[in-house]
Amino acid sequence: MSGAGIRAGRWLLMPRFHLNIFNGSGPVPDESGQDLADIDAAKEQAVMGIRSILSAEVLEGVMDLRGRIEIADAAGQLLLVVAYAEAVTIKSPEPNG
């Protein structure tokens, strides 16, 4: 499946994507997956998921950017990897500022 919807009769079937999490807590497979319009929508879901995970970490005083979400299709083929560091912009204080 290329990530585009498939027509079945009058219905447009959306492809299923699995967003598998890999971080310091270990792998968390997405066994059920999500029906999303395309790979761009799957990437957006991954970014939002990463931001949610990182926000919870920040509340604990930690931000571990070493994780990733691997997006796979319904057959399990890896389509895209979104690193945690890609989901946020870190701004450091200016020296002497």
C-alpha atoms as a PDB file:
ATOM      1  CA  MET A   1       0.000   0.000   0.000  1.00  0.00           C
ATOM      2  CA  SER A   2       1.511   3.315  -1.033  1.00  0.00           C
ATOM      3  CA  GLY A   3      -0.201   5.396   1.634  1.00  0.00           C
ATOM      4  CA  ALA A   4      -3.005   6.617  -0.606  1.00  0.00           C
ATOM      5  CA  GLY A   5      -6.635   5.762   0.032  1.00  0.00           C
ATOM      6  CA  ILE A   6      -8.208   2.896  -1.897  1.00  0.00           C
ATOM      7  CA  ARG A   7     -11.729   3.080  -3.296  1.00  0.00           C
ATOM      8  CA  ALA A   8     -14.033   0.226  -2.366  1.00  0.00           C
ATOM      9  CA  GLY A   9     -17.464   0.772  -3.835  1.00  0.00           C
ATOM     10  CA  ARG A  10     -18.619   4.173  -2.625  1.00  0.00           C
ATOM     11  CA  TRP A  11     -16.215   4.262   0.325  1.00  0.00           C
ATOM     12  CA  LEU A  12     -12.659   5.463   0.408  1.00  0.00           C
ATOM     13  CA  LEU A  13     -10.672   3.123   2.625  1.00  0.00           C
ATOM     14  CA  MET A  14      -7.812   4.788   4.430  1.00  0.00           C
ATOM     15  CA  PRO A  15      -4.550   2.917   4.845  1.00  0.00           C
ATOM     16  CA  ARG A  16      -3.613   1.615   8.282  1.00  0.00           C
ATOM     17  CA  PHE A  17      -0.385   2.840   9.837  1.00  0.00           C
ATOM     18  CA  HIS A  18       1.370   1.472  12.917  1.00  0.00           C
ATOM     19  CA  LEU A  19       3.335   3.988  15.003  1.00  0.00           C
ATOM     20  CA  ASN A  20       5.823   1.885  16.955  1.00  0.00           C
ATOM     21  CA  ILE A  21       7.613   3.700  19.790  1.00  0.00           C
ATOM     22  CA  PHE A  22      11.258   3.062  20.677  1.00  0.00           C
ATOM     23  CA  ASN A  23      12.660   4.943  23.681  1.00  0.00           C
ATOM     24  CA  GLY A  24      14.324   4.510  27.061  1.00  0.00           C
ATOM     25  CA  SER A  25      11.280   2.597  28.321  1.00  0.00           C
ATOM     26  CA  GLY A  26      11.822  -0.011  25.607  1.00  0.00           C
ATOM     27  CA  PRO A  27       9.863  -0.785  22.454  1.00  0.00           C
ATOM     28  CA  VAL A  28       6.112  -0.197  22.465  1.00  0.00           C
ATOM     29  CA  PRO A  29       4.551  -1.788  19.375  1.00  0.00           C
ATOM     30  CA  ASP A  30       1.352  -0.273  17.985  1.00  0.00           C
ATOM     31  CA  GLU A  31      -0.543  -3.524  17.517  1.00  0.00           C
ATOM     32  CA  SER A  32      -3.858  -2.027  16.424  1.00  0.00           C
ATOM     33  CA  GLY A  33      -2.625   0.809  14.208  1.00  0.00           C
ATOM     34  CA  GLN A  34      -4.578   3.828  12.989  1.00  0.00           C
ATOM     35  CA  ASP A  35      -6.447   4.509   9.766  1.00  0.00           C
ATOM     36  CA  LEU A  36      -4.984   7.738   8.401  1.00  0.00           C
ATOM     37  CA  ALA A  37      -5.240   9.537   5.072  1.00  0.00           C
ATOM     38  CA  ASP A  38      -1.581   9.194   4.075  1.00  0.00           C
ATOM     39  CA  ILE A  39       2.021   9.051   5.273  1.00  0.00           C
ATOM     40  CA  ASP A  40       1.986  12.814   5.974  1.00  0.00           C
ATOM     41  CA  ALA A  41      -0.942  12.350   8.373  1.00  0.00           C
ATOM     42  CA  ALA A  42       0.905   9.436   9.996  1.00  0.00           C
ATOM     43  CA  LYS A  43       4.010  11.602  10.446  1.00  0.00           C
ATOM     44  CA  GLU A  44       1.903  14.363  12.032  1.00  0.00           C
ATOM     45  CA  GLN A  45       0.415  11.810  14.462  1.00  0.00           C
ATOM     46  CA  ALA A  46       3.940  10.627  15.293  1.00  0.00           C
ATOM     47  CA  VAL A  47       5.145  14.185  15.953  1.00  0.00           C
ATOM     48  CA  MET A  48       2.155  14.904  18.200  1.00  0.00           C
ATOM     49  CA  GLY A  49       2.744  11.634  20.065  1.00  0.00           C
ATOM     50  CA  ILE A  50       6.418  12.453  20.581  1.00  0.00           C
ATOM     51  CA  ARG A  51       5.543  15.899  21.911  1.00  0.00           C
ATOM     52  CA  SER A  52       3.080  14.357  24.342  1.00  0.00           C
ATOM     53  CA  ILE A  53       5.683  11.873  25.595  1.00  0.00           C
ATOM     54  CA  LEU A  54       8.324  14.592  25.951  1.00  0.00           C
ATOM     55  CA  SER A  55       5.963  16.940  27.781  1.00  0.00           C
ATOM     56  CA  ALA A  56       5.315  14.238  30.376  1.00  0.00           C
ATOM     57  CA  GLU A  57       9.067  13.708  30.712  1.00  0.00           C
ATOM     58  CA  VAL A  58       9.680  17.435  31.229  1.00  0.00           C
ATOM     59  CA  LEU A  59       7.221  17.408  34.136  1.00  0.00           C
ATOM     60  CA  GLU A  60       9.533  14.813  35.709  1.00  0.00           C
ATOM     61  CA  GLY A  61      12.591  16.994  35.034  1.00  0.00           C
ATOM     62  CA  VAL A  62      13.955  14.959  32.113  1.00  0.00           C
ATOM     63  CA  MET A  63      13.849  15.199  28.325  1.00  0.00           C
ATOM     64  CA  ASP A  64      15.301  12.189  26.525  1.00  0.00           C
ATOM     65  CA  LEU A  65      15.583  12.914  22.806  1.00  0.00           C
ATOM     66  CA  ARG A  66      17.126   9.535  21.948  1.00  0.00           C
ATOM     67  CA  GLY A  67      13.779   7.894  21.077  1.00  0.00           C
ATOM     68  CA  ARG A  68      12.019   7.455  17.765  1.00  0.00           C
ATOM     69  CA  ILE A  69       8.702   6.404  16.281  1.00  0.00           C
ATOM     70  CA  GLU A  70       8.835   3.981  13.378  1.00  0.00           C
ATOM     71  CA  ILE A  71       5.859   4.219  11.034  1.00  0.00           C
ATOM     72  CA  ALA A  72       4.966   0.944   9.347  1.00  0.00           C
ATOM     73  CA  ASP A  73       2.173  -0.047   6.975  1.00  0.00           C
ATOM     74  CA  ALA A  74      -0.408  -2.762   7.649  1.00  0.00           C
ATOM     75  CA  ALA A  75       2.008  -5.409   6.321  1.00  0.00           C
ATOM     76  CA  GLY A  76       4.678  -4.272   8.796  1.00  0.00           C
ATOM     77  CA  GLN A  77       6.945  -2.644   6.210  1.00  0.00           C
ATOM     78  CA  LEU A  78       8.870   0.300   7.643  1.00  0.00           C
ATOM     79  CA  LEU A  79       7.874   3.498   5.836  1.00  0.00           C
ATOM     80  CA  LEU A  80       9.359   6.318   7.899  1.00  0.00           C
ATOM     81  CA  VAL A  81      11.297   6.973  11.089  1.00  0.00           C
ATOM     82  CA  VAL A  82      10.598  10.120  13.124  1.00  0.00           C
ATOM     83  CA  ALA A  83      13.283  10.868  15.711  1.00  0.00           C
ATOM     84  CA  TYR A  84      12.204  12.550  18.933  1.00  0.00           C
ATOM     85  CA  ALA A  85      14.672  15.368  18.226  1.00  0.00           C
ATOM     86  CA  GLU A  86      12.818  16.152  14.962  1.00  0.00           C
ATOM     87  CA  ALA A  87       9.583  16.881  16.839  1.00  0.00           C
ATOM     88  CA  VAL A  88      10.825  19.836  18.891  1.00  0.00           C
ATOM     89  CA  THR A  89      13.073  22.863  18.669  1.00  0.00           C
ATOM     90  CA  ILE A  90      15.355  23.405  21.651  1.00  0.00           C
ATOM     91  CA  LYS A  91      16.379  26.990  22.312  1.00  0.00           C
ATOM     92  CA  SER A  92      19.270  27.573  24.663  1.00  0.00           C
ATOM     93  CA  PRO A  93      19.891  30.814  26.516  1.00  0.00           C
ATOM     94  CA  GLU A  94      22.309  33.189  24.828  1.00  0.00           C
ATOM     95  CA  PRO A  95      25.685  33.495  26.531  1.00  0.00           C
ATOM     96  CA  ASN A  96      25.888  36.803  28.387  1.00  0.00           C
ATOM     97  CA  GLY A  97      22.121  37.137  27.939  1.00  0.00           C
END
